[in-house]
Amino acid sequence: MVDQREHVVRSSEDFIEAMASMSEQNWGMSRMAGRIWAALLIADNEKLTADDLVRMLGASRGSVSAITRMLERVGVLQRVTQPGKRKHYYRATAASVTIDLERENLQTLHRVMSSGLEAVRGSGSPAERRLGEFIEFIAFLREEFSTIAERWNARTTHEIRK
């Protein structure tokens, strides 16, 4: 995390630019990726076309096309269709998807760290200790994410019933 400045949001445009900055500084993604995600989150319509995003953001069609594909792979947006329409629509995924994404990232990190530990296992080296500690920490985080997911699901289920 490069910059922890507090972003003051006074308008939709400020929100979009704050997300663009955060996307670049905190996640290593392009500013346009943050803008597209922000536009999908803040738009009155739940679904937007690529043309909508081009108009809203003043972006090129090629840029919107490439970045929506990347954001779809990352999991923060979904491409959907509507019956009888040829256009693709995009919508932000549910907030709970971020928990699943982080669990997947932790699982991958656990696998990579474990292979590193196997390479130095039995050496008694500082590397073996460091990798072992990281693996334990990752396992702890994975358990905590499971607890968070359960609590979130219970909370949202409860809110729906109200």
C-alpha atoms as a PDB file:
ATOM      1  CA  MET A   1       0.000   0.000   0.000  1.00  0.00           C
ATOM      2  CA  VAL A   2       1.772   3.031  -1.290  1.00  0.00           C
ATOM      3  CA  ASP A   3      -0.432   5.896  -0.164  1.00  0.00           C
ATOM      4  CA  GLN A   4      -2.895   5.981   2.704  1.00  0.00           C
ATOM      5  CA  ARG A   5      -4.336   9.454   2.069  1.00  0.00           C
ATOM      6  CA  GLU A   6      -7.992   9.733   2.959  1.00  0.00           C
ATOM      7  CA  HIS A   7     -10.093  10.339  -0.125  1.00  0.00           C
ATOM      8  CA  VAL A   8     -12.832  12.925   0.264  1.00  0.00           C
ATOM      9  CA  VAL A   9     -15.805  12.019  -1.907  1.00  0.00           C
ATOM     10  CA  ARG A  10     -18.265  14.776  -2.687  1.00  0.00           C
ATOM     11  CA  SER A  11     -19.714  13.494  -5.946  1.00  0.00           C
ATOM     12  CA  SER A  12     -19.944  10.472  -8.208  1.00  0.00           C
ATOM     13  CA  GLU A  13     -16.945  11.763 -10.135  1.00  0.00           C
ATOM     14  CA  ASP A  14     -14.925  12.078  -6.916  1.00  0.00           C
ATOM     15  CA  PHE A  15     -15.854   8.508  -5.984  1.00  0.00           C
ATOM     16  CA  ILE A  16     -14.816   7.218  -9.412  1.00  0.00           C
ATOM     17  CA  GLU A  17     -11.465   9.030  -9.198  1.00  0.00           C
ATOM     18  CA  ALA A  18     -10.885   7.879  -5.614  1.00  0.00           C
ATOM     19  CA  MET A  19     -11.430   4.276  -6.733  1.00  0.00           C
ATOM     20  CA  ALA A  20      -9.114   4.860  -9.715  1.00  0.00           C
ATOM     21  CA  SER A  21      -6.375   6.088  -7.404  1.00  0.00           C
ATOM     22  CA  MET A  22      -6.902   3.232  -4.943  1.00  0.00           C
ATOM     23  CA  SER A  23      -6.878   0.691  -7.759  1.00  0.00           C
ATOM     24  CA  GLU A  24      -3.509   1.921  -8.940  1.00  0.00           C
ATOM     25  CA  GLN A  25      -1.830   2.553  -5.593  1.00  0.00           C
ATOM     26  CA  ASN A  26      -3.144  -0.316  -3.486  1.00  0.00           C
ATOM     27  CA  TRP A  27      -3.865  -3.108  -5.948  1.00  0.00           C
ATOM     28  CA  GLY A  28      -1.410  -2.477  -8.781  1.00  0.00           C
ATOM     29  CA  MET A  29      -4.204  -2.290 -11.342  1.00  0.00           C
ATOM     30  CA  SER A  30      -4.804   0.480 -13.843  1.00  0.00           C
ATOM     31  CA  ARG A  31      -6.698   3.605 -12.923  1.00  0.00           C
ATOM     32  CA  MET A  32      -9.269   2.709 -15.590  1.00  0.00           C
ATOM     33  CA  ALA A  33      -9.937  -0.614 -13.833  1.00  0.00           C
ATOM     34  CA  GLY A  34     -10.851   1.330 -10.699  1.00  0.00           C
ATOM     35  CA  ARG A  35     -12.998   3.724 -12.706  1.00  0.00           C
ATOM     36  CA  ILE A  36     -14.947   0.938 -14.383  1.00  0.00           C
ATOM     37  CA  TRP A  37     -15.558  -0.892 -11.114  1.00  0.00           C
ATOM     38  CA  ALA A  38     -16.595   2.357  -9.433  1.00  0.00           C
ATOM     39  CA  ALA A  39     -18.967   3.223 -12.290  1.00  0.00           C
ATOM     40  CA  LEU A  40     -20.672  -0.159 -11.946  1.00  0.00           C
ATOM     41  CA  LEU A  41     -20.997   0.298  -8.195  1.00  0.00           C
ATOM     42  CA  ILE A  42     -22.374   3.837  -8.306  1.00  0.00           C
ATOM     43  CA  ALA A  43     -24.607   3.751 -11.397  1.00  0.00           C
ATOM     44  CA  ASP A  44     -28.375   3.872 -10.916  1.00  0.00           C
ATOM     45  CA  ASN A  45     -28.730   0.996 -13.372  1.00  0.00           C
ATOM     46  CA  GLU A  46     -27.586  -2.347 -12.047  1.00  0.00           C
ATOM     47  CA  LYS A  47     -26.221  -3.292 -15.483  1.00  0.00           C
ATOM     48  CA  LEU A  48     -24.240  -1.139 -17.914  1.00  0.00           C
ATOM     49  CA  THR A  49     -23.113  -1.799 -21.480  1.00  0.00           C
ATOM     50  CA  ALA A  50     -19.611  -1.100 -22.753  1.00  0.00           C
ATOM     51  CA  ASP A  51     -21.085   1.911 -24.573  1.00  0.00           C
ATOM     52  CA  ASP A  52     -22.494   3.192 -21.261  1.00  0.00           C
ATOM     53  CA  LEU A  53     -19.056   2.888 -19.666  1.00  0.00           C
ATOM     54  CA  VAL A  54     -17.388   4.630 -22.630  1.00  0.00           C
ATOM     55  CA  ARG A  55     -19.817   7.554 -22.287  1.00  0.00           C
ATOM     56  CA  MET A  56     -19.634   7.742 -18.485  1.00  0.00           C
ATOM     57  CA  LEU A  57     -15.872   7.583 -18.262  1.00  0.00           C
ATOM     58  CA  GLY A  58     -14.742   9.178 -21.522  1.00  0.00           C
ATOM     59  CA  ALA A  59     -12.728   6.045 -22.216  1.00  0.00           C
ATOM     60  CA  SER A  60     -11.971   4.328 -25.499  1.00  0.00           C
ATOM     61  CA  ARG A  61     -14.012   1.291 -26.478  1.00  0.00           C
ATOM     62  CA  GLY A  62     -10.829  -0.803 -26.671  1.00  0.00           C
ATOM     63  CA  SER A  63      -9.789   0.163 -23.170  1.00  0.00           C
ATOM     64  CA  VAL A  64     -13.231  -0.631 -21.752  1.00  0.00           C
ATOM     65  CA  SER A  65     -13.285  -3.963 -23.585  1.00  0.00           C
ATOM     66  CA  ALA A  66      -9.850  -5.060 -22.361  1.00  0.00           C
ATOM     67  CA  ILE A  67     -10.362  -3.938 -18.778  1.00  0.00           C
ATOM     68  CA  THR A  68     -13.851  -5.420 -18.394  1.00  0.00           C
ATOM     69  CA  ARG A  69     -12.410  -8.792 -19.489  1.00  0.00           C
ATOM     70  CA  MET A  70      -9.660  -8.458 -16.872  1.00  0.00           C
ATOM     71  CA  LEU A  71     -12.110  -7.406 -14.129  1.00  0.00           C
ATOM     72  CA  GLU A  72     -14.335 -10.339 -15.043  1.00  0.00           C
ATOM     73  CA  ARG A  73     -11.368 -12.715 -14.598  1.00  0.00           C
ATOM     74  CA  VAL A  74     -10.526 -11.065 -11.259  1.00  0.00           C
ATOM     75  CA  GLY A  75     -14.130 -11.570 -10.175  1.00  0.00           C
ATOM     76  CA  VAL A  76     -15.347  -8.057  -9.378  1.00  0.00           C
ATOM     77  CA  LEU A  77     -17.734  -7.851 -12.315  1.00  0.00           C
ATOM     78  CA  GLN A  78     -19.930 -10.207 -14.270  1.00  0.00           C
ATOM     79  CA  ARG A  79     -20.829 -10.111 -17.944  1.00  0.00           C
ATOM     80  CA  VAL A  80     -24.515 -10.854 -18.431  1.00  0.00           C
ATOM     81  CA  THR A  81     -26.965 -10.884 -21.312  1.00  0.00           C
ATOM     82  CA  GLN A  82     -30.610  -9.994 -21.554  1.00  0.00           C
ATOM     83  CA  PRO A  83     -33.103 -12.135 -23.459  1.00  0.00           C
ATOM     84  CA  GLY A  84     -33.592 -10.852 -27.005  1.00  0.00           C
ATOM     85  CA  LYS A  85     -30.636  -8.445 -26.839  1.00  0.00           C
ATOM     86  CA  ARG A  86     -27.269  -8.950 -28.485  1.00  0.00           C
ATOM     87  CA  LYS A  87     -25.312  -6.566 -26.266  1.00  0.00           C
ATOM     88  CA  HIS A  88     -23.358  -7.654 -23.247  1.00  0.00           C
ATOM     89  CA  TYR A  89     -24.068  -5.964 -19.955  1.00  0.00           C
ATOM     90  CA  TYR A  90     -21.766  -5.675 -16.990  1.00  0.00           C
ATOM     91  CA  ARG A  91     -22.618  -5.564 -13.311  1.00  0.00           C
ATOM     92  CA  ALA A  92     -20.607  -5.483 -10.124  1.00  0.00           C
ATOM     93  CA  THR A  93     -20.537  -8.779  -8.267  1.00  0.00           C
ATOM     94  CA  ALA A  94     -21.927  -9.147  -4.763  1.00  0.00           C
ATOM     95  CA  ALA A  95     -19.774  -7.826  -1.931  1.00  0.00           C
ATOM     96  CA  SER A  96     -19.362 -11.356  -0.544  1.00  0.00           C
ATOM     97  CA  VAL A  97     -17.394 -12.335  -3.654  1.00  0.00           C
ATOM     98  CA  THR A  98     -14.397 -10.482  -2.227  1.00  0.00           C
ATOM     99  CA  ILE A  99     -14.244 -13.014   0.602  1.00  0.00           C
ATOM    100  CA  ASP A 100     -14.133 -15.869  -1.904  1.00  0.00           C
ATOM    101  CA  LEU A 101     -11.457 -14.094  -3.953  1.00  0.00           C
ATOM    102  CA  GLU A 102      -9.277 -13.549  -0.904  1.00  0.00           C
ATOM    103  CA  ARG A 103      -9.680 -17.182   0.166  1.00  0.00           C
ATOM    104  CA  GLU A 104      -8.578 -18.294  -3.314  1.00  0.00           C
ATOM    105  CA  ASN A 105      -5.577 -15.957  -3.164  1.00  0.00           C
ATOM    106  CA  LEU A 106      -4.648 -17.319   0.256  1.00  0.00           C
ATOM    107  CA  GLN A 107      -4.982 -20.891  -0.984  1.00  0.00           C
ATOM    108  CA  THR A 108      -2.619 -20.147  -3.871  1.00  0.00           C
ATOM    109  CA  LEU A 109      -0.164 -18.394  -1.552  1.00  0.00           C
ATOM    110  CA  HIS A 110      -0.339 -21.353   0.860  1.00  0.00           C
ATOM    111  CA  ARG A 111       0.470 -23.773  -1.980  1.00  0.00           C
ATOM    112  CA  VAL A 112       3.447 -21.685  -3.161  1.00  0.00           C
ATOM    113  CA  MET A 113       4.810 -21.173   0.370  1.00  0.00           C
ATOM    114  CA  SER A 114       4.436 -24.910   1.069  1.00  0.00           C
ATOM    115  CA  SER A 115       6.506 -25.764  -1.996  1.00  0.00           C
ATOM    116  CA  GLY A 116       9.171 -23.354  -0.760  1.00  0.00           C
ATOM    117  CA  LEU A 117       9.104 -25.005   2.653  1.00  0.00           C
ATOM    118  CA  GLU A 118       9.552 -28.434   1.048  1.00  0.00           C
ATOM    119  CA  ALA A 119      12.662 -27.130  -0.715  1.00  0.00           C
ATOM    120  CA  VAL A 120      14.329 -26.234   2.625  1.00  0.00           C
ATOM    121  CA  ARG A 121      12.637 -28.719   5.002  1.00  0.00           C
ATOM    122  CA  GLY A 122      15.000 -30.330   7.504  1.00  0.00           C
ATOM    123  CA  SER A 123      17.697 -27.709   7.058  1.00  0.00           C
ATOM    124  CA  GLY A 124      16.915 -25.935  10.317  1.00  0.00           C
ATOM    125  CA  SER A 125      17.618 -22.703   8.460  1.00  0.00           C
ATOM    126  CA  PRO A 126      16.055 -19.296   9.098  1.00  0.00           C
ATOM    127  CA  ALA A 127      14.285 -19.728   5.738  1.00  0.00           C
ATOM    128  CA  GLU A 128      12.564 -22.865   7.030  1.00  0.00           C
ATOM    129  CA  ARG A 129      11.395 -20.995  10.135  1.00  0.00           C
ATOM    130  CA  ARG A 130      10.157 -17.982   8.143  1.00  0.00           C
ATOM    131  CA  LEU A 131       8.279 -20.087   5.618  1.00  0.00           C
ATOM    132  CA  GLY A 132       6.759 -22.208   8.390  1.00  0.00           C
ATOM    133  CA  GLU A 133       5.544 -19.090  10.158  1.00  0.00           C
ATOM    134  CA  PHE A 134       4.024 -17.707   6.957  1.00  0.00           C
ATOM    135  CA  ILE A 135       2.235 -20.987   6.298  1.00  0.00           C
ATOM    136  CA  GLU A 136       0.784 -20.994   9.822  1.00  0.00           C
ATOM    137  CA  PHE A 137      -0.330 -17.385   9.414  1.00  0.00           C
ATOM    138  CA  ILE A 138      -1.971 -18.125   6.067  1.00  0.00           C
ATOM    139  CA  ALA A 139      -3.800 -21.098   7.593  1.00  0.00           C
ATOM    140  CA  PHE A 140      -5.012 -18.799  10.389  1.00  0.00           C
ATOM    141  CA  LEU A 141      -6.238 -16.213   7.864  1.00  0.00           C
ATOM    142  CA  ARG A 142      -8.063 -18.874   5.859  1.00  0.00           C
ATOM    143  CA  GLU A 143      -9.896 -20.008   9.008  1.00  0.00           C
ATOM    144  CA  GLU A 144     -10.769 -16.411   9.854  1.00  0.00           C
ATOM    145  CA  PHE A 145     -12.083 -15.780   6.335  1.00  0.00           C
ATOM    146  CA  SER A 146     -14.348 -18.810   6.718  1.00  0.00           C
ATOM    147  CA  THR A 147     -15.675 -17.353   9.974  1.00  0.00           C
ATOM    148  CA  ILE A 148     -16.164 -13.959   8.331  1.00  0.00           C
ATOM    149  CA  ALA A 149     -18.054 -15.561   5.439  1.00  0.00           C
ATOM    150  CA  GLU A 150     -20.342 -17.418   7.842  1.00  0.00           C
ATOM    151  CA  ARG A 151     -21.005 -14.256   9.845  1.00  0.00           C
ATOM    152  CA  TRP A 152     -21.657 -12.243   6.669  1.00  0.00           C
ATOM    153  CA  ASN A 153     -24.064 -14.848   5.311  1.00  0.00           C
ATOM    154  CA  ALA A 154     -25.930 -14.950   8.625  1.00  0.00           C
ATOM    155  CA  ARG A 155     -26.085 -11.167   8.723  1.00  0.00           C
ATOM    156  CA  THR A 156     -27.352 -10.748   5.171  1.00  0.00           C
ATOM    157  CA  THR A 157     -29.859 -13.585   5.612  1.00  0.00           C
ATOM    158  CA  HIS A 158     -31.116 -11.880   8.773  1.00  0.00           C
ATOM    159  CA  GLU A 159     -31.360  -8.493   7.003  1.00  0.00           C
ATOM    160  CA  ILE A 160     -33.370 -10.033   4.136  1.00  0.00           C
ATOM    161  CA  ARG A 161     -35.894 -11.483   6.603  1.00  0.00           C
ATOM    162  CA  LYS A 162     -36.588  -8.074   8.205  1.00  0.00           C
END
